[in-house]
Amino acid sequence: MAIEIPKKVYAGNVREITIGDGDHTIKVGGETTMPFHLFEGEMPNPPKFALEVNDVEPKEWADTLKEVYGDVWSDPAAWAKRCVELGADLIHFEMVGTDPNGMDRPAAEAADVAKKVIDAVSCPVVIWGTANHEKDVEVLRLIAEQNQDRKLILGPVEEGDYKQLGAASIGFGHTIVASSPIDVNLAKQLNILLGNLGVKDDKILIDPTVGGIGYGLEYSYSVIERCKLAALAQEDERLQFPLYCNLGREVWKTKEAKVSQDQMPELGDPKERGIALEVLTATSLLLAGGDIFVMRHPKSMEHMRKLVADLTEGGTA
């Protein structure tokens, strides 16, 4: 007797959004089913992976990462090129040096550094501020204006600065990443505000904020899954956007990813430990419904690409 698997057909879908420009655009979103339920619907665009680049040389990154980027991370443009060579779909460029509580790099200087990175690669580039609203508005608006020939992704856009950065999206045609603190209702509210402002629906990605495994991952998983279900089952138009998961920094800032083997031998080889933590976090968020994943180690990205291929094409993970 044949067994027929029950199927759930959803009335809603996630918007398909094109990011980047010229011959180097990529499409994200477009799902009509929950993650990898390909027997129920479609996932026309496989999840995409970004590698993180900083505008200043990182001082507290794990030695495992230094082995990959240490010879280029004093030069952000060269670092970005390295990430493309390693297979990144996007560059996630963190403007760490602009933090008013740190270097407080002037906007004009920061824009010059960003310009070099943008010109060094042809793939889509995400320009990521420090979540200081006043400084992010100053820096990101200048970068948006100076790079109108490239379709950038600007973030994080929060309730405290959505009007100014939303205007930059409207005026210069860039995509924005709407960021809210692990809450479905807050994510929806911010998207309503952006829509009322006039930001086009094809220029919005959702950053629900994520935590690493052991550091709030369960909350992140729940919120991402609820966003996806609201988009598909409830046809909630203000949550039908691809989900952006900035997870690399959350994983690699933890003690477990950075502590030496001498200090905690029970945790195992530090060269593999951080990668394992990053893969476990990314896998969880992938199965929850994430569309874009920001990672730090290229081996983590390779593992995730293999997993996506196995889940969509068949194979053994």
C-alpha atoms as a PDB file:
ATOM      1  CA  MET A   1       0.000   0.000   0.000  1.00  0.00           C
ATOM      2  CA  ALA A   2       1.452   3.319  -1.086  1.00  0.00           C
ATOM      3  CA  ILE A   3       1.893   5.991   1.528  1.00  0.00           C
ATOM      4  CA  GLU A   4       0.858   9.485   0.507  1.00  0.00           C
ATOM      5  CA  ILE A   5       2.697  12.228   2.363  1.00  0.00           C
ATOM      6  CA  PRO A   6       0.296  14.998   3.477  1.00  0.00           C
ATOM      7  CA  LYS A   7       1.088  18.297   1.800  1.00  0.00           C
ATOM      8  CA  LYS A   8       0.554  21.852   2.958  1.00  0.00           C
ATOM      9  CA  VAL A   9       0.036  24.348   0.144  1.00  0.00           C
ATOM     10  CA  TYR A  10       0.467  27.969   1.194  1.00  0.00           C
ATOM     11  CA  ALA A  11      -1.398  30.888  -0.354  1.00  0.00           C
ATOM     12  CA  GLY A  12       1.397  33.374   0.358  1.00  0.00           C
ATOM     13  CA  ASN A  13       5.002  33.675  -0.750  1.00  0.00           C
ATOM     14  CA  VAL A  14       8.232  35.513   0.022  1.00  0.00           C
ATOM     15  CA  ARG A  15       9.027  38.323  -2.396  1.00  0.00           C
ATOM     16  CA  GLU A  16      11.826  37.666  -4.840  1.00  0.00           C
ATOM     17  CA  ILE A  17      14.285  40.554  -4.579  1.00  0.00           C
ATOM     18  CA  THR A  18      17.216  41.332  -6.878  1.00  0.00           C
ATOM     19  CA  ILE A  19      20.340  42.802  -5.293  1.00  0.00           C
ATOM     20  CA  GLY A  20      23.506  44.066  -6.932  1.00  0.00           C
ATOM     21  CA  ASP A  21      23.824  45.609 -10.365  1.00  0.00           C
ATOM     22  CA  GLY A  22      24.944  45.044 -13.926  1.00  0.00           C
ATOM     23  CA  ASP A  23      25.883  41.477 -14.784  1.00  0.00           C
ATOM     24  CA  HIS A  24      26.466  40.627 -11.139  1.00  0.00           C
ATOM     25  CA  THR A  25      22.982  40.665  -9.661  1.00  0.00           C
ATOM     26  CA  ILE A  26      21.676  37.863  -7.506  1.00  0.00           C
ATOM     27  CA  LYS A  27      18.125  36.976  -6.564  1.00  0.00           C
ATOM     28  CA  VAL A  28      16.991  36.068  -3.066  1.00  0.00           C
ATOM     29  CA  GLY A  29      13.640  34.979  -1.685  1.00  0.00           C
ATOM     30  CA  GLY A  30      10.768  33.782  -3.827  1.00  0.00           C
ATOM     31  CA  GLU A  31       9.855  30.810  -1.610  1.00  0.00           C
ATOM     32  CA  THR A  32       6.338  29.391  -1.676  1.00  0.00           C
ATOM     33  CA  THR A  33       6.987  26.818   1.057  1.00  0.00           C
ATOM     34  CA  MET A  34       8.825  26.344   4.330  1.00  0.00           C
ATOM     35  CA  PRO A  35      12.572  25.684   4.051  1.00  0.00           C
ATOM     36  CA  PHE A  36      13.386  22.744   1.794  1.00  0.00           C
ATOM     37  CA  HIS A  37       9.814  21.376   1.769  1.00  0.00           C
ATOM     38  CA  LEU A  38      10.247  21.005  -1.965  1.00  0.00           C
ATOM     39  CA  PHE A  39       7.442  18.424  -2.078  1.00  0.00           C
ATOM     40  CA  GLU A  40       5.038  21.239  -1.123  1.00  0.00           C
ATOM     41  CA  GLY A  41       6.321  24.268  -3.046  1.00  0.00           C
ATOM     42  CA  GLU A  42       9.322  26.026  -4.538  1.00  0.00           C
ATOM     43  CA  MET A  43      12.589  27.596  -3.430  1.00  0.00           C
ATOM     44  CA  PRO A  44      13.651  29.170  -6.714  1.00  0.00           C
ATOM     45  CA  ASN A  45      16.703  30.877  -5.239  1.00  0.00           C
ATOM     46  CA  PRO A  46      19.055  28.906  -2.976  1.00  0.00           C
ATOM     47  CA  PRO A  47      20.284  30.737   0.151  1.00  0.00           C
ATOM     48  CA  LYS A  48      23.211  33.087  -0.426  1.00  0.00           C
ATOM     49  CA  PHE A  49      26.372  33.530   1.614  1.00  0.00           C
ATOM     50  CA  ALA A  50      28.347  36.663   2.453  1.00  0.00           C
ATOM     51  CA  LEU A  51      31.782  36.875   4.033  1.00  0.00           C
ATOM     52  CA  GLU A  52      32.498  39.694   6.474  1.00  0.00           C
ATOM     53  CA  VAL A  53      35.124  42.392   5.892  1.00  0.00           C
ATOM     54  CA  ASN A  54      35.969  45.138   8.409  1.00  0.00           C
ATOM     55  CA  ASP A  55      37.116  48.674   7.634  1.00  0.00           C
ATOM     56  CA  VAL A  56      39.882  48.401  10.246  1.00  0.00           C
ATOM     57  CA  GLU A  57      42.198  45.561  11.173  1.00  0.00           C
ATOM     58  CA  PRO A  58      40.399  43.410  13.758  1.00  0.00           C
ATOM     59  CA  LYS A  59      42.210  43.105  17.080  1.00  0.00           C
ATOM     60  CA  GLU A  60      40.171  40.390  18.765  1.00  0.00           C
ATOM     61  CA  TRP A  61      39.441  37.915  15.991  1.00  0.00           C
ATOM     62  CA  ALA A  62      40.419  34.283  16.597  1.00  0.00           C
ATOM     63  CA  ASP A  63      43.771  33.013  15.327  1.00  0.00           C
ATOM     64  CA  THR A  64      41.865  30.589  13.080  1.00  0.00           C
ATOM     65  CA  LEU A  65      40.535  33.588  11.147  1.00  0.00           C
ATOM     66  CA  LYS A  66      43.906  35.325  11.131  1.00  0.00           C
ATOM     67  CA  GLU A  67      45.313  32.339   9.228  1.00  0.00           C
ATOM     68  CA  VAL A  68      42.836  33.058   6.433  1.00  0.00           C
ATOM     69  CA  TYR A  69      42.816  36.868   6.303  1.00  0.00           C
ATOM     70  CA  GLY A  70      45.810  38.051   8.351  1.00  0.00           C
ATOM     71  CA  ASP A  71      47.914  38.981   5.325  1.00  0.00           C
ATOM     72  CA  VAL A  72      45.170  41.202   3.836  1.00  0.00           C
ATOM     73  CA  TRP A  73      42.978  42.445   6.668  1.00  0.00           C
ATOM     74  CA  SER A  74      44.926  45.691   7.021  1.00  0.00           C
ATOM     75  CA  ASP A  75      43.720  46.496   3.475  1.00  0.00           C
ATOM     76  CA  PRO A  76      39.901  46.216   3.266  1.00  0.00           C
ATOM     77  CA  ALA A  77      39.855  46.246  -0.553  1.00  0.00           C
ATOM     78  CA  ALA A  78      42.344  43.365  -0.727  1.00  0.00           C
ATOM     79  CA  TRP A  79      40.380  41.572   1.992  1.00  0.00           C
ATOM     80  CA  ALA A  80      37.174  41.915  -0.022  1.00  0.00           C
ATOM     81  CA  LYS A  81      38.904  40.497  -3.098  1.00  0.00           C
ATOM     82  CA  ARG A  82      40.103  37.545  -1.029  1.00  0.00           C
ATOM     83  CA  CYS A  83      36.522  36.848   0.063  1.00  0.00           C
ATOM     84  CA  VAL A  84      35.331  36.851  -3.555  1.00  0.00           C
ATOM     85  CA  GLU A  85      38.133  34.445  -4.462  1.00  0.00           C
ATOM     86  CA  LEU A  86      36.960  32.214  -1.620  1.00  0.00           C
ATOM     87  CA  GLY A  87      33.487  32.094  -3.176  1.00  0.00           C
ATOM     88  CA  ALA A  88      31.399  34.701  -1.347  1.00  0.00           C
ATOM     89  CA  ASP A  89      28.156  35.702  -3.080  1.00  0.00           C
ATOM     90  CA  LEU A  90      28.215  39.074  -1.294  1.00  0.00           C
ATOM     91  CA  ILE A  91      30.608  41.210   0.713  1.00  0.00           C
ATOM     92  CA  HIS A  92      29.337  42.309   4.126  1.00  0.00           C
ATOM     93  CA  PHE A  93      31.423  45.395   4.951  1.00  0.00           C
ATOM     94  CA  GLU A  94      31.338  46.354   8.642  1.00  0.00           C
ATOM     95  CA  MET A  95      32.149  50.014   9.328  1.00  0.00           C
ATOM     96  CA  VAL A  96      33.664  49.248  12.737  1.00  0.00           C
ATOM     97  CA  GLY A  97      35.965  52.257  12.632  1.00  0.00           C
ATOM     98  CA  THR A  98      33.081  54.730  12.559  1.00  0.00           C
ATOM     99  CA  ASP A  99      31.822  53.767  16.030  1.00  0.00           C
ATOM    100  CA  PRO A 100      31.693  56.950  18.172  1.00  0.00           C
ATOM    101  CA  ASN A 101      32.706  54.815  21.150  1.00  0.00           C
ATOM    102  CA  GLY A 102      35.790  53.635  19.298  1.00  0.00           C
ATOM    103  CA  MET A 103      37.865  55.265  16.549  1.00  0.00           C
ATOM    104  CA  ASP A 104      35.001  57.585  15.528  1.00  0.00           C
ATOM    105  CA  ARG A 105      36.370  57.789  11.991  1.00  0.00           C
ATOM    106  CA  PRO A 106      35.003  60.849  10.125  1.00  0.00           C
ATOM    107  CA  ALA A 107      32.291  60.183   7.546  1.00  0.00           C
ATOM    108  CA  ALA A 108      34.361  61.430   4.604  1.00  0.00           C
ATOM    109  CA  GLU A 109      37.281  59.177   5.525  1.00  0.00           C
ATOM    110  CA  ALA A 110      34.968  56.206   6.046  1.00  0.00           C
ATOM    111  CA  ALA A 111      33.329  56.824   2.670  1.00  0.00           C
ATOM    112  CA  ASP A 112      36.738  56.793   0.958  1.00  0.00           C
ATOM    113  CA  VAL A 113      37.529  53.390   2.467  1.00  0.00           C
ATOM    114  CA  ALA A 114      34.098  52.062   1.496  1.00  0.00           C
ATOM    115  CA  LYS A 115      34.560  53.324  -2.059  1.00  0.00           C
ATOM    116  CA  LYS A 116      37.774  51.322  -2.422  1.00  0.00           C
ATOM    117  CA  VAL A 117      36.015  48.163  -1.293  1.00  0.00           C
ATOM    118  CA  ILE A 118      33.016  48.758  -3.564  1.00  0.00           C
ATOM    119  CA  ASP A 119      35.285  49.367  -6.565  1.00  0.00           C
ATOM    120  CA  ALA A 120      37.432  46.311  -5.783  1.00  0.00           C
ATOM    121  CA  VAL A 121      34.633  43.783  -6.295  1.00  0.00           C
ATOM    122  CA  SER A 122      31.750  43.320  -8.711  1.00  0.00           C
ATOM    123  CA  CYS A 123      29.479  41.277  -6.441  1.00  0.00           C
ATOM    124  CA  PRO A 124      26.793  42.927  -4.279  1.00  0.00           C
ATOM    125  CA  VAL A 125      28.176  44.862  -1.299  1.00  0.00           C
ATOM    126  CA  VAL A 126      26.456  45.379   2.042  1.00  0.00           C
ATOM    127  CA  ILE A 127      27.549  48.507   3.946  1.00  0.00           C
ATOM    128  CA  TRP A 128      26.931  47.909   7.649  1.00  0.00           C
ATOM    129  CA  GLY A 129      27.034  50.641  10.271  1.00  0.00           C
ATOM    130  CA  THR A 130      27.473  50.489  14.032  1.00  0.00           C
ATOM    131  CA  ALA A 131      23.799  50.948  15.081  1.00  0.00           C
ATOM    132  CA  ASN A 132      24.632  54.443  16.334  1.00  0.00           C
ATOM    133  CA  HIS A 133      21.800  56.259  14.630  1.00  0.00           C
ATOM    134  CA  GLU A 134      23.369  59.683  14.283  1.00  0.00           C
ATOM    135  CA  LYS A 135      26.691  58.383  12.972  1.00  0.00           C
ATOM    136  CA  ASP A 136      25.141  55.759  10.704  1.00  0.00           C
ATOM    137  CA  VAL A 137      22.916  58.351   9.059  1.00  0.00           C
ATOM    138  CA  GLU A 138      25.920  60.570   8.392  1.00  0.00           C
ATOM    139  CA  VAL A 139      28.138  57.781   7.069  1.00  0.00           C
ATOM    140  CA  LEU A 140      25.656  55.627   5.168  1.00  0.00           C
ATOM    141  CA  ARG A 141      23.903  58.529   3.460  1.00  0.00           C
ATOM    142  CA  LEU A 142      27.250  59.852   2.204  1.00  0.00           C
ATOM    143  CA  ILE A 143      28.247  56.420   0.894  1.00  0.00           C
ATOM    144  CA  ALA A 144      24.829  56.006  -0.719  1.00  0.00           C
ATOM    145  CA  GLU A 145      25.145  59.342  -2.487  1.00  0.00           C
ATOM    146  CA  GLN A 146      28.712  58.777  -3.675  1.00  0.00           C
ATOM    147  CA  ASN A 147      27.955  55.326  -5.094  1.00  0.00           C
ATOM    148  CA  GLN A 148      24.744  55.847  -7.035  1.00  0.00           C
ATOM    149  CA  ASP A 149      26.199  53.838  -9.915  1.00  0.00           C
ATOM    150  CA  ARG A 150      26.249  50.734  -7.700  1.00  0.00           C
ATOM    151  CA  LYS A 151      23.162  49.267  -6.077  1.00  0.00           C
ATOM    152  CA  LEU A 152      24.318  48.758  -2.496  1.00  0.00           C
ATOM    153  CA  ILE A 153      22.628  47.205   0.532  1.00  0.00           C
ATOM    154  CA  LEU A 154      22.583  49.527   3.565  1.00  0.00           C
ATOM    155  CA  GLY A 155      22.123  48.424   7.171  1.00  0.00           C
ATOM    156  CA  PRO A 156      21.237  48.174   9.892  1.00  0.00           C
ATOM    157  CA  VAL A 157      18.178  50.396   9.385  1.00  0.00           C
ATOM    158  CA  GLU A 158      16.357  50.713  12.687  1.00  0.00           C
ATOM    159  CA  GLU A 159      13.357  52.590  14.018  1.00  0.00           C
ATOM    160  CA  GLY A 160      15.630  55.395  15.196  1.00  0.00           C
ATOM    161  CA  ASP A 161      17.013  56.180  11.738  1.00  0.00           C
ATOM    162  CA  TYR A 162      14.598  54.647   9.219  1.00  0.00           C
ATOM    163  CA  LYS A 163      13.379  58.017   7.916  1.00  0.00           C
ATOM    164  CA  GLN A 164      16.836  59.262   6.944  1.00  0.00           C
ATOM    165  CA  LEU A 165      18.168  55.947   5.627  1.00  0.00           C
ATOM    166  CA  GLY A 166      14.857  55.115   3.992  1.00  0.00           C
ATOM    167  CA  ALA A 167      15.127  58.418   2.148  1.00  0.00           C
ATOM    168  CA  ALA A 168      18.586  57.358   0.949  1.00  0.00           C
ATOM    169  CA  SER A 169      17.062  54.182  -0.473  1.00  0.00           C
ATOM    170  CA  ILE A 170      14.332  56.157  -2.211  1.00  0.00           C
ATOM    171  CA  GLY A 171      16.690  58.823  -3.528  1.00  0.00           C
ATOM    172  CA  PHE A 172      19.606  56.651  -4.659  1.00  0.00           C
ATOM    173  CA  GLY A 173      18.012  53.271  -5.365  1.00  0.00           C
ATOM    174  CA  HIS A 174      19.807  51.186  -2.762  1.00  0.00           C
ATOM    175  CA  THR A 175      18.359  48.227  -0.861  1.00  0.00           C
ATOM    176  CA  ILE A 176      18.101  48.448   2.934  1.00  0.00           C
ATOM    177  CA  VAL A 177      18.203  45.866   5.717  1.00  0.00           C
ATOM    178  CA  ALA A 178      15.443  46.599   8.237  1.00  0.00           C
ATOM    179  CA  SER A 179      16.780  45.536  11.627  1.00  0.00           C
ATOM    180  CA  SER A 180      14.716  44.860  14.749  1.00  0.00           C
ATOM    181  CA  PRO A 181      15.551  43.134  18.066  1.00  0.00           C
ATOM    182  CA  ILE A 182      14.308  39.512  17.869  1.00  0.00           C
ATOM    183  CA  ASP A 183      10.588  40.298  17.768  1.00  0.00           C
ATOM    184  CA  VAL A 184       8.139  39.521  14.960  1.00  0.00           C
ATOM    185  CA  ASN A 185       5.844  42.428  15.772  1.00  0.00           C
ATOM    186  CA  LEU A 186       8.705  44.927  15.827  1.00  0.00           C
ATOM    187  CA  ALA A 187       9.974  43.605  12.491  1.00  0.00           C
ATOM    188  CA  LYS A 188       6.527  44.026  10.974  1.00  0.00           C
ATOM    189  CA  GLN A 189       6.082  47.501  12.463  1.00  0.00           C
ATOM    190  CA  LEU A 190       9.385  48.717  11.016  1.00  0.00           C
ATOM    191  CA  ASN A 191       8.422  47.422   7.572  1.00  0.00           C
ATOM    192  CA  ILE A 192       5.081  49.231   7.849  1.00  0.00           C
ATOM    193  CA  LEU A 193       6.915  52.455   8.660  1.00  0.00           C
ATOM    194  CA  LEU A 194       9.276  51.992   5.713  1.00  0.00           C
ATOM    195  CA  GLY A 195       6.343  51.327   3.388  1.00  0.00           C
ATOM    196  CA  ASN A 196       4.526  54.417   4.620  1.00  0.00           C
ATOM    197  CA  LEU A 197       7.696  56.414   4.017  1.00  0.00           C
ATOM    198  CA  GLY A 198       7.738  55.281   0.410  1.00  0.00           C
ATOM    199  CA  VAL A 199      10.503  52.666   0.375  1.00  0.00           C
ATOM    200  CA  LYS A 200       9.715  50.166  -2.374  1.00  0.00           C
ATOM    201  CA  ASP A 201       8.973  46.595  -1.362  1.00  0.00           C
ATOM    202  CA  ASP A 202      11.688  45.312  -3.684  1.00  0.00           C
ATOM    203  CA  LYS A 203      14.277  47.294  -1.686  1.00  0.00           C
ATOM    204  CA  ILE A 204      13.738  45.723   1.752  1.00  0.00           C
ATOM    205  CA  LEU A 205      15.409  42.806   3.514  1.00  0.00           C
ATOM    206  CA  ILE A 206      14.587  41.795   7.096  1.00  0.00           C
ATOM    207  CA  ASP A 207      17.294  41.459   9.752  1.00  0.00           C
ATOM    208  CA  PRO A 208      15.480  39.834  12.689  1.00  0.00           C
ATOM    209  CA  THR A 209      18.718  39.897  14.729  1.00  0.00           C
ATOM    210  CA  VAL A 210      20.286  36.538  15.543  1.00  0.00           C
ATOM    211  CA  GLY A 211      22.252  34.892  18.329  1.00  0.00           C
ATOM    212  CA  GLY A 212      24.897  32.188  18.148  1.00  0.00           C
ATOM    213  CA  ILE A 213      24.314  28.639  19.309  1.00  0.00           C
ATOM    214  CA  GLY A 214      24.168  28.642  23.103  1.00  0.00           C
ATOM    215  CA  TYR A 215      23.655  32.421  23.125  1.00  0.00           C
ATOM    216  CA  GLY A 216      20.006  32.955  22.267  1.00  0.00           C
ATOM    217  CA  LEU A 217      19.773  30.883  19.102  1.00  0.00           C
ATOM    218  CA  GLU A 218      16.399  29.461  20.131  1.00  0.00           C
ATOM    219  CA  TYR A 219      14.852  32.949  20.153  1.00  0.00           C
ATOM    220  CA  SER A 220      16.322  33.717  16.733  1.00  0.00           C
ATOM    221  CA  TYR A 221      15.055  30.436  15.319  1.00  0.00           C
ATOM    222  CA  SER A 222      11.553  31.060  16.617  1.00  0.00           C
ATOM    223  CA  VAL A 223      11.336  34.601  15.238  1.00  0.00           C
ATOM    224  CA  ILE A 224      12.656  33.642  11.797  1.00  0.00           C
ATOM    225  CA  GLU A 225      10.256  30.697  11.577  1.00  0.00           C
ATOM    226  CA  ARG A 226       7.325  32.876  12.654  1.00  0.00           C
ATOM    227  CA  CYS A 227       8.232  35.495  10.040  1.00  0.00           C
ATOM    228  CA  LYS A 228       8.293  32.815   7.366  1.00  0.00           C
ATOM    229  CA  LEU A 229       5.005  31.295   8.473  1.00  0.00           C
ATOM    230  CA  ALA A 230       3.348  34.724   8.579  1.00  0.00           C
ATOM    231  CA  ALA A 231       4.523  35.383   5.022  1.00  0.00           C
ATOM    232  CA  LEU A 232       3.314  32.038   3.685  1.00  0.00           C
ATOM    233  CA  ALA A 233       0.319  30.975   5.754  1.00  0.00           C
ATOM    234  CA  GLN A 234      -1.085  34.347   6.817  1.00  0.00           C
ATOM    235  CA  GLU A 235      -0.124  36.189   3.615  1.00  0.00           C
ATOM    236  CA  ASP A 236       1.223  39.052   5.743  1.00  0.00           C
ATOM    237  CA  GLU A 237       2.556  41.467   3.135  1.00  0.00           C
ATOM    238  CA  ARG A 238       4.753  43.320   5.646  1.00  0.00           C
ATOM    239  CA  LEU A 239       6.691  40.156   6.463  1.00  0.00           C
ATOM    240  CA  GLN A 240       7.046  38.749   2.939  1.00  0.00           C
ATOM    241  CA  PHE A 241      10.686  39.798   2.608  1.00  0.00           C
ATOM    242  CA  PRO A 242      13.898  37.714   2.491  1.00  0.00           C
ATOM    243  CA  LEU A 243      15.647  37.270   5.849  1.00  0.00           C
ATOM    244  CA  TYR A 244      19.206  38.494   6.469  1.00  0.00           C
ATOM    245  CA  CYS A 245      21.181  36.610   9.166  1.00  0.00           C
ATOM    246  CA  ASN A 246      24.321  38.402  10.384  1.00  0.00           C
ATOM    247  CA  LEU A 247      25.621  35.450  12.379  1.00  0.00           C
ATOM    248  CA  GLY A 248      29.415  35.388  11.973  1.00  0.00           C
ATOM    249  CA  ARG A 249      30.165  38.082  14.509  1.00  0.00           C
ATOM    250  CA  GLU A 250      27.738  36.554  17.018  1.00  0.00           C
ATOM    251  CA  VAL A 251      29.498  33.193  16.840  1.00  0.00           C
ATOM    252  CA  TRP A 252      33.113  34.322  16.769  1.00  0.00           C
ATOM    253  CA  LYS A 253      32.838  36.784  19.641  1.00  0.00           C
ATOM    254  CA  THR A 254      32.009  33.979  22.072  1.00  0.00           C
ATOM    255  CA  LYS A 255      34.488  32.489  24.507  1.00  0.00           C
ATOM    256  CA  GLU A 256      34.013  29.021  23.016  1.00  0.00           C
ATOM    257  CA  ALA A 257      35.129  30.199  19.568  1.00  0.00           C
ATOM    258  CA  LYS A 258      38.226  32.099  20.738  1.00  0.00           C
ATOM    259  CA  VAL A 259      39.642  30.452  23.864  1.00  0.00           C
ATOM    260  CA  SER A 260      42.893  28.525  23.385  1.00  0.00           C
ATOM    261  CA  GLN A 261      43.196  24.776  23.809  1.00  0.00           C
ATOM    262  CA  ASP A 262      45.626  25.300  26.693  1.00  0.00           C
ATOM    263  CA  GLN A 263      42.990  27.226  28.601  1.00  0.00           C
ATOM    264  CA  MET A 264      40.110  24.840  27.926  1.00  0.00           C
ATOM    265  CA  PRO A 265      41.414  21.558  26.463  1.00  0.00           C
ATOM    266  CA  GLU A 266      37.997  19.922  26.851  1.00  0.00           C
ATOM    267  CA  LEU A 267      36.664  22.078  24.004  1.00  0.00           C
ATOM    268  CA  GLY A 268      38.937  20.476  21.430  1.00  0.00           C
ATOM    269  CA  ASP A 269      40.947  21.862  18.512  1.00  0.00           C
ATOM    270  CA  PRO A 270      40.374  25.643  18.224  1.00  0.00           C
ATOM    271  CA  LYS A 271      41.000  25.473  14.465  1.00  0.00           C
ATOM    272  CA  GLU A 272      37.848  23.391  14.060  1.00  0.00           C
ATOM    273  CA  ARG A 273      35.803  24.579  17.032  1.00  0.00           C
ATOM    274  CA  GLY A 274      34.834  28.018  15.723  1.00  0.00           C
ATOM    275  CA  ILE A 275      33.980  26.579  12.330  1.00  0.00           C
ATOM    276  CA  ALA A 276      31.765  23.946  13.948  1.00  0.00           C
ATOM    277  CA  LEU A 277      29.961  26.563  16.035  1.00  0.00           C
ATOM    278  CA  GLU A 278      29.421  28.742  12.957  1.00  0.00           C
ATOM    279  CA  VAL A 279      28.098  25.825  10.901  1.00  0.00           C
ATOM    280  CA  LEU A 280      25.754  24.679  13.669  1.00  0.00           C
ATOM    281  CA  THR A 281      24.363  28.189  14.051  1.00  0.00           C
ATOM    282  CA  ALA A 282      23.972  28.692  10.301  1.00  0.00           C
ATOM    283  CA  THR A 283      22.322  25.285   9.860  1.00  0.00           C
ATOM    284  CA  SER A 284      19.726  26.110  12.498  1.00  0.00           C
ATOM    285  CA  LEU A 285      18.935  29.473  10.922  1.00  0.00           C
ATOM    286  CA  LEU A 286      18.861  27.883   7.467  1.00  0.00           C
ATOM    287  CA  LEU A 287      16.194  25.415   8.563  1.00  0.00           C
ATOM    288  CA  ALA A 288      14.253  28.218  10.261  1.00  0.00           C
ATOM    289  CA  GLY A 289      14.010  30.125   6.974  1.00  0.00           C
ATOM    290  CA  GLY A 290      17.003  32.453   6.506  1.00  0.00           C
ATOM    291  CA  ASP A 291      17.850  33.612   2.983  1.00  0.00           C
ATOM    292  CA  ILE A 292      21.219  35.392   3.336  1.00  0.00           C
ATOM    293  CA  PHE A 293      23.925  34.345   5.805  1.00  0.00           C
ATOM    294  CA  VAL A 294      26.887  36.483   6.859  1.00  0.00           C
ATOM    295  CA  MET A 295      29.802  34.287   7.896  1.00  0.00           C
ATOM    296  CA  ARG A 296      33.474  34.718   8.714  1.00  0.00           C
ATOM    297  CA  HIS A 297      35.298  31.494   7.918  1.00  0.00           C
ATOM    298  CA  PRO A 298      35.289  30.221   4.317  1.00  0.00           C
ATOM    299  CA  LYS A 299      35.248  26.591   5.490  1.00  0.00           C
ATOM    300  CA  SER A 300      31.987  27.275   7.306  1.00  0.00           C
ATOM    301  CA  MET A 301      30.591  28.659   4.074  1.00  0.00           C
ATOM    302  CA  GLU A 302      31.760  25.598   2.143  1.00  0.00           C
ATOM    303  CA  HIS A 303      30.012  23.280   4.605  1.00  0.00           C
ATOM    304  CA  MET A 304      26.803  25.278   4.249  1.00  0.00           C
ATOM    305  CA  ARG A 305      26.898  25.239   0.447  1.00  0.00           C
ATOM    306  CA  LYS A 306      27.282  21.458   0.549  1.00  0.00           C
ATOM    307  CA  LEU A 307      24.341  21.171   2.931  1.00  0.00           C
ATOM    308  CA  VAL A 308      22.142  23.364   0.714  1.00  0.00           C
ATOM    309  CA  ALA A 309      23.074  21.253  -2.320  1.00  0.00           C
ATOM    310  CA  ASP A 310      22.255  18.042  -0.453  1.00  0.00           C
ATOM    311  CA  LEU A 311      18.884  19.391   0.660  1.00  0.00           C
ATOM    312  CA  THR A 312      17.885  20.687  -2.766  1.00  0.00           C
ATOM    313  CA  GLU A 313      19.528  18.201  -5.138  1.00  0.00           C
ATOM    314  CA  GLY A 314      19.817  15.095  -2.995  1.00  0.00           C
ATOM    315  CA  GLY A 315      22.876  13.689  -1.289  1.00  0.00           C
ATOM    316  CA  THR A 316      24.334  12.811   2.091  1.00  0.00           C
ATOM    317  CA  ALA A 317      25.295  15.655   4.392  1.00  0.00           C
END
